[in-house]
């Protein structure tokens, strides 16, 4: 089905739900429509994230941009938030921190 076409089963408002199969929202790819949520009777969709996880989300949350991943996007961004530079494993950085104690003790280093 094309974008904007309808999918079987009414939505909460009694209108047919928009078919989202095959569409991508952020890191999520919509796989198939699942049963409406029992309590609120909204169309829900099974989605696969780029990280491999599967989640079931409301269509409105996908289309509005509120949900863009299974949660891995938040974890990735949180990891980047607290990283200062990402260079701590380079040889130059390791060498610098190896000579720091000598510099603090007042030893002179012959560089060259």
Foldseek 3Di string as FASTA:
>chain_A
DDFQDFDPDAALVRHGHTDQAQPAQAQWHFHAWDAADPPRRGTWTWIAGVVGDIDIGGPVCRVVNVDRGPCVVVVVVVVVVPDDDPCCPPPVNVVVVVCVVVVVVVHDDDDD
